Amino acid sequence: MDQPTVGLLHPGSMGAAVAACAATNAAEVLWCEAGRSATSAARAAQFGLTPVVTLAELLDRSDIVISLCPPAAAEDLARGVARHSFAGTYVEANAISPERAERIAGLLGPAAAVVDGAVVGSPPVHGKTPTLYLSGPTAATITVEEVFAGTAVRTKVLGTKVGQASALKLSYTAFQKASRALAALATGMARQYDVDQELLEVAARRSTSYLAEPEYIAKVAARAWRWGPELEEAADTLAAAGLPPEMLRAAASTLARWHDAKDCELTLTDALDHLAEP
């Protein structure tokens, strides 16, 4: 395919910036004005995207369509595209579950080639270089790789199965987003007792992420019998401070799955197997 035309379904801050990178190797990058706000229109113009009036026109002219929107809207958007019998490459790049990605592939196939995509990193502006992870049919992932070649959006193919990219995204999101919420709760609790500065000093002594140290999970399993009750105490303290305790209670419930691993020498595989048992 010589310089494909790319259609973007939502010109949000991530979508518009990603689509602008695609313009490097595309004949044109389109977006649909119908139902979009003045803010979206201004953002699309800022990134040099070409407006079209209707979704039908965008789909008729596009070889590749990129869906980057709030997760809740992903399937509705895909249904709208399916109604127009789109037959190009559809990049489902939203933060959705692998099961939803598979459903969307079912909605659009076999007419369209559906690529499961996941953007990890910040929008590609001001020197930022996110990675667009891809999984799905080989020919389709190659097409997507080509349109982003040499741009600030790096691509990496994970495999041929729709759902793999979504699984990676949500695995990373589970830690990154939840850990920030936990940081807010911890800081709020410490501030209630005027020890928030000391909390920062304690935290500053550690510079790496537990996500980068999976071998530590086995140690957590062996100590879960003790850590679970500690988290229940912390949850009680949050509640007393007027802060939501549910995340810590859920964490304590998670640790309870390791109740029979008290002080055991487990491998990472053993610990994860126990965690998956009801």
Protein backbone atom coordinates (compact mmCIF):
# COMPACT_ATOMS: atom_id res chain seq x y z
CA MET A 1 0.00 0.00 0.00
CA ASP A 2 1.42 3.39 -1.03
CA GLN A 3 0.83 6.07 1.56
CA PRO A 4 -2.45 4.96 3.10
CA THR A 5 -5.12 7.33 4.34
CA VAL A 6 -5.64 7.13 8.11
CA GLY A 7 -8.87 7.91 9.92
CA LEU A 8 -8.94 8.85 13.62
CA LEU A 9 -12.19 8.27 15.49
CA HIS A 10 -11.47 10.56 18.47
CA PRO A 11 -9.05 13.51 18.41
CA GLY A 12 -8.33 13.47 22.15
CA SER A 13 -4.96 14.52 23.54
CA MET A 14 -3.45 11.07 22.93
CA GLY A 15 -5.33 10.25 19.75
CA ALA A 16 -4.58 13.52 17.97
CA ALA A 17 -0.88 13.35 18.82
CA VAL A 18 -0.59 9.72 17.71
CA ALA A 19 -2.48 10.43 14.48
CA ALA A 20 -0.23 13.39 13.75
CA CYS A 21 2.75 11.00 13.84
CA ALA A 22 0.98 8.70 11.39
CA ALA A 23 0.78 11.65 9.00
CA THR A 24 4.51 11.20 8.36
CA ASN A 25 3.83 8.09 6.27
CA ALA A 26 0.18 8.65 5.32
CA ALA A 27 -1.36 10.48 2.40
CA GLU A 28 -3.79 12.14 4.81
CA VAL A 29 -5.11 11.79 8.35
CA LEU A 30 -8.85 12.36 8.70
CA TRP A 31 -11.14 12.97 11.63
CA CYS A 32 -14.94 13.29 11.78
CA GLU A 33 -16.43 16.58 12.96
CA ALA A 34 -19.93 15.20 13.66
CA GLY A 35 -20.82 15.52 17.34
CA ARG A 36 -17.40 16.75 18.41
CA SER A 37 -16.75 19.84 20.54
CA ALA A 38 -15.01 23.06 19.62
CA THR A 39 -12.12 21.91 21.83
CA SER A 40 -11.75 18.71 19.78
CA ALA A 41 -11.87 20.72 16.56
CA ALA A 42 -9.16 23.07 17.81
CA ARG A 43 -6.98 20.15 18.89
CA ALA A 44 -7.40 18.41 15.54
CA ALA A 45 -6.46 21.62 13.73
CA GLN A 46 -3.42 22.06 15.97
CA PHE A 47 -2.14 18.63 14.92
CA GLY A 48 -2.91 19.16 11.24
CA LEU A 49 -5.72 16.61 10.91
CA THR A 50 -8.15 16.93 8.00
CA PRO A 51 -11.84 17.24 8.96
CA VAL A 52 -14.64 15.32 7.25
CA VAL A 53 -18.34 15.80 7.87
CA THR A 54 -19.55 12.25 8.44
CA LEU A 55 -18.27 8.93 9.76
CA ALA A 56 -19.32 7.34 6.47
CA GLU A 57 -16.98 9.66 4.56
CA LEU A 58 -14.10 8.97 6.96
CA LEU A 59 -14.55 5.21 6.60
CA ASP A 60 -14.97 5.35 2.84
CA ARG A 61 -11.71 7.26 2.43
CA SER A 62 -9.59 5.52 5.08
CA ASP A 63 -7.36 2.48 4.66
CA ILE A 64 -6.52 2.41 8.38
CA VAL A 65 -8.83 3.52 11.18
CA ILE A 66 -7.50 4.18 14.69
CA SER A 67 -9.86 4.04 17.65
CA LEU A 68 -8.44 5.93 20.64
CA CYS A 69 -11.24 6.98 22.97
CA PRO A 70 -12.48 6.61 26.56
CA PRO A 71 -12.75 2.84 27.20
CA ALA A 72 -16.50 2.92 27.79
CA ALA A 73 -17.12 4.12 24.24
CA ALA A 74 -14.94 1.55 22.45
CA GLU A 75 -17.62 -0.98 21.54
CA ASP A 76 -20.21 1.61 20.53
CA LEU A 77 -17.67 3.15 18.18
CA ALA A 78 -16.83 -0.25 16.73
CA ARG A 79 -20.53 -1.01 16.18
CA GLY A 80 -20.89 2.26 14.29
CA VAL A 81 -17.95 1.34 12.10
CA ALA A 82 -19.30 -2.17 11.56
CA ARG A 83 -22.63 -0.77 10.32
CA HIS A 84 -20.72 0.87 7.46
CA SER A 85 -19.02 -2.44 6.53
CA PHE A 86 -15.52 -0.99 6.87
CA ALA A 87 -13.07 -3.31 5.11
CA GLY A 88 -9.67 -1.82 5.97
CA THR A 89 -7.38 -2.17 8.99
CA TYR A 90 -9.00 -1.24 12.31
CA VAL A 91 -6.65 -0.46 15.20
CA GLU A 92 -8.48 -0.97 18.49
CA ALA A 93 -6.07 1.03 20.66
CA ASN A 94 -8.18 1.64 23.75
CA ALA A 95 -7.47 0.55 27.32
CA ILE A 96 -10.00 -2.29 27.33
CA SER A 97 -10.01 -5.90 28.45
CA PRO A 98 -8.78 -8.65 26.11
CA GLU A 99 -12.32 -10.03 26.07
CA ARG A 100 -13.71 -6.73 24.83
CA ALA A 101 -10.98 -6.51 22.20
CA GLU A 102 -11.99 -9.97 20.99
CA ARG A 103 -15.66 -8.93 20.86
CA ILE A 104 -14.75 -5.89 18.78
CA ALA A 105 -12.76 -8.08 16.41
CA GLY A 106 -15.85 -10.23 16.07
CA LEU A 107 -18.03 -7.20 15.34
CA LEU A 108 -15.78 -5.96 12.54
CA GLY A 109 -14.49 -9.19 11.05
CA PRO A 110 -14.08 -10.75 8.64
CA ALA A 111 -14.51 -7.63 6.49
CA ALA A 112 -11.99 -5.59 8.49
CA ALA A 113 -8.59 -6.72 9.75
CA VAL A 114 -8.61 -5.88 13.46
CA VAL A 115 -5.37 -5.09 15.25
CA ASP A 116 -5.33 -4.99 19.03
CA GLY A 117 -3.28 -1.96 20.07
CA ALA A 118 -2.11 -0.47 23.35
CA VAL A 119 -0.30 2.82 23.85
CA VAL A 120 2.08 2.84 26.81
CA GLY A 121 3.62 6.19 27.64
CA SER A 122 2.75 9.86 27.29
CA PRO A 123 1.40 11.50 24.10
CA PRO A 124 4.18 11.89 21.49
CA VAL A 125 4.83 15.61 21.97
CA HIS A 126 7.78 17.58 23.40
CA GLY A 127 10.19 14.71 22.84
CA LYS A 128 8.02 11.95 24.35
CA THR A 129 8.17 8.59 22.58
CA PRO A 130 5.35 6.22 23.60
CA THR A 131 5.20 2.64 22.40
CA LEU A 132 2.23 1.30 20.48
CA TYR A 133 2.07 -2.42 21.21
CA LEU A 134 0.28 -4.49 18.59
CA SER A 135 -1.19 -7.96 18.28
CA GLY A 136 -3.29 -9.53 15.57
CA PRO A 137 -3.02 -10.74 11.97
CA THR A 138 0.54 -10.43 10.70
CA ALA A 139 -0.24 -8.52 7.52
CA ALA A 140 -2.33 -6.00 9.45
CA THR A 141 0.26 -5.39 12.18
CA ILE A 142 2.90 -4.84 9.48
CA THR A 143 0.62 -2.23 7.89
CA VAL A 144 0.34 -0.38 11.21
CA GLU A 145 4.08 -0.62 11.86
CA GLU A 146 4.78 0.92 8.46
CA VAL A 147 2.55 3.91 9.03
CA PHE A 148 4.43 4.77 12.24
CA ALA A 149 7.94 3.93 10.99
CA GLY A 150 10.46 6.63 11.79
CA THR A 151 8.07 8.59 14.03
CA ALA A 152 7.91 9.36 17.73
CA VAL A 153 5.47 6.47 18.15
CA ARG A 154 7.50 3.30 18.48
CA THR A 155 5.77 0.03 17.65
CA LYS A 156 6.25 -3.51 18.91
CA VAL A 157 4.33 -6.59 17.79
CA LEU A 158 3.54 -9.01 20.64
CA GLY A 159 1.98 -11.81 18.62
CA THR A 160 -0.85 -12.74 16.31
CA LYS A 161 -3.65 -13.04 18.89
CA VAL A 162 -6.11 -10.19 19.44
CA GLY A 163 -6.12 -9.50 23.18
CA GLN A 164 -2.39 -9.69 23.85
CA ALA A 165 -1.79 -5.96 23.52
CA SER A 166 -4.83 -5.18 25.67
CA ALA A 167 -3.63 -7.63 28.32
CA LEU A 168 -0.23 -5.93 28.47
CA LYS A 169 -1.83 -2.49 28.75
CA LEU A 170 -4.13 -3.48 31.59
CA SER A 171 -1.39 -5.42 33.39
CA TYR A 172 0.70 -2.26 33.43
CA THR A 173 -2.28 0.00 34.17
CA ALA A 174 -3.31 -2.16 37.12
CA PHE A 175 -0.07 -1.31 38.86
CA GLN A 176 0.60 2.20 37.61
CA LYS A 177 -2.89 3.62 38.17
CA ALA A 178 -3.72 1.73 41.35
CA SER A 179 -0.34 2.56 42.89
CA ARG A 180 -1.03 6.26 42.39
CA ALA A 181 -4.39 5.93 44.09
CA LEU A 182 -2.67 4.11 46.94
CA ALA A 183 -0.10 6.90 47.14
CA ALA A 184 -2.95 9.40 47.56
CA LEU A 185 -4.49 7.32 50.35
CA ALA A 186 -1.15 6.87 52.13
CA THR A 187 -0.38 10.58 51.88
CA GLY A 188 -3.86 11.51 53.09
CA MET A 189 -3.52 9.20 56.09
CA ALA A 190 -0.07 10.55 56.96
CA ARG A 191 -1.24 14.15 56.62
CA GLN A 192 -4.13 13.48 59.02
CA TYR A 193 -1.51 12.70 61.66
CA ASP A 194 0.99 15.34 60.54
CA VAL A 195 3.64 12.84 59.46
CA ASP A 196 3.39 13.33 55.68
CA GLN A 197 6.89 14.80 55.38
CA GLU A 198 8.33 11.82 57.21
CA LEU A 199 6.43 9.51 54.84
CA LEU A 200 8.11 11.23 51.88
CA GLU A 201 11.52 10.74 53.48
CA VAL A 202 10.85 7.03 54.05
CA ALA A 203 9.64 6.57 50.47
CA ALA A 204 12.62 8.46 49.02
CA ARG A 205 14.96 5.73 50.23
CA ARG A 206 13.55 3.40 47.57
CA SER A 207 13.96 4.35 43.92
CA THR A 208 12.90 1.19 42.05
CA SER A 209 9.49 -0.27 41.29
CA TYR A 210 8.20 -3.52 42.74
CA LEU A 211 6.76 -4.20 39.30
CA ALA A 212 10.34 -4.53 38.06
CA GLU A 213 11.11 -7.07 40.82
CA PRO A 214 8.64 -9.94 40.27
CA GLU A 215 10.70 -12.29 42.41
CA TYR A 216 9.51 -10.25 45.41
CA ILE A 217 5.98 -11.60 44.90
CA ALA A 218 6.94 -14.94 46.46
CA LYS A 219 8.15 -13.10 49.57
CA VAL A 220 4.84 -11.24 49.75
CA ALA A 221 2.97 -14.56 49.61
CA ALA A 222 5.00 -15.95 52.49
CA ARG A 223 4.24 -12.88 54.61
CA ALA A 224 0.61 -12.46 53.57
CA TRP A 225 -0.68 -13.99 56.84
CA ARG A 226 0.83 -11.01 58.65
CA TRP A 227 0.44 -8.28 56.05
CA GLY A 228 -3.28 -8.85 55.52
CA PRO A 229 -4.22 -7.88 59.10
CA GLU A 230 -1.87 -4.90 58.88
CA LEU A 231 -3.76 -3.67 55.84
CA GLU A 232 -7.07 -4.12 57.69
CA GLU A 233 -5.67 -1.91 60.44
CA ALA A 234 -4.59 0.63 57.83
CA ALA A 235 -8.06 0.49 56.28
CA ASP A 236 -9.59 1.22 59.68
CA THR A 237 -7.25 4.20 60.02
CA LEU A 238 -8.25 5.52 56.59
CA ALA A 239 -11.92 5.24 57.49
CA ALA A 240 -11.33 7.10 60.76
CA ALA A 241 -9.64 9.87 58.76
CA GLY A 242 -12.62 10.15 56.41
CA LEU A 243 -10.73 8.50 53.54
CA PRO A 244 -12.04 5.54 51.48
CA PRO A 245 -10.79 2.22 52.91
CA GLU A 246 -12.02 -0.12 50.16
CA MET A 247 -8.72 -0.47 48.26
CA LEU A 248 -6.86 -1.66 51.32
CA ARG A 249 -9.63 -4.03 52.32
CA ALA A 250 -9.53 -5.49 48.81
CA ALA A 251 -5.74 -5.84 49.09
CA ALA A 252 -6.15 -7.66 52.40
CA SER A 253 -8.68 -9.97 50.74
CA THR A 254 -6.17 -10.64 47.96
CA LEU A 255 -3.47 -11.53 50.46
CA ALA A 256 -5.87 -13.99 52.10
CA ARG A 257 -5.49 -16.22 49.04
CA TRP A 258 -1.97 -16.92 50.32
CA HIS A 259 -3.16 -17.88 53.80
CA ASP A 260 -1.60 -21.36 53.61
CA ALA A 261 1.79 -20.04 52.44
CA LYS A 262 2.88 -18.79 55.86
CA ASP A 263 6.67 -18.50 55.94
CA CYS A 264 6.97 -20.97 53.03
CA GLU A 265 9.79 -20.96 50.51
CA LEU A 266 7.74 -20.42 47.35
CA THR A 267 8.80 -19.80 43.80
CA LEU A 268 7.23 -17.01 41.78
CA THR A 269 5.24 -19.62 39.84
CA ASP A 270 3.98 -21.20 43.09
CA ALA A 271 2.86 -17.81 44.41
CA LEU A 272 1.02 -16.85 41.24
CA ASP A 273 -0.64 -20.27 41.07
CA HIS A 274 -1.93 -19.83 44.62
CA LEU A 275 -3.16 -16.34 43.81
CA ALA A 276 -5.24 -17.68 40.91
CA GLU A 277 -7.03 -20.19 43.14
CA PRO A 278 -10.44 -19.15 44.52
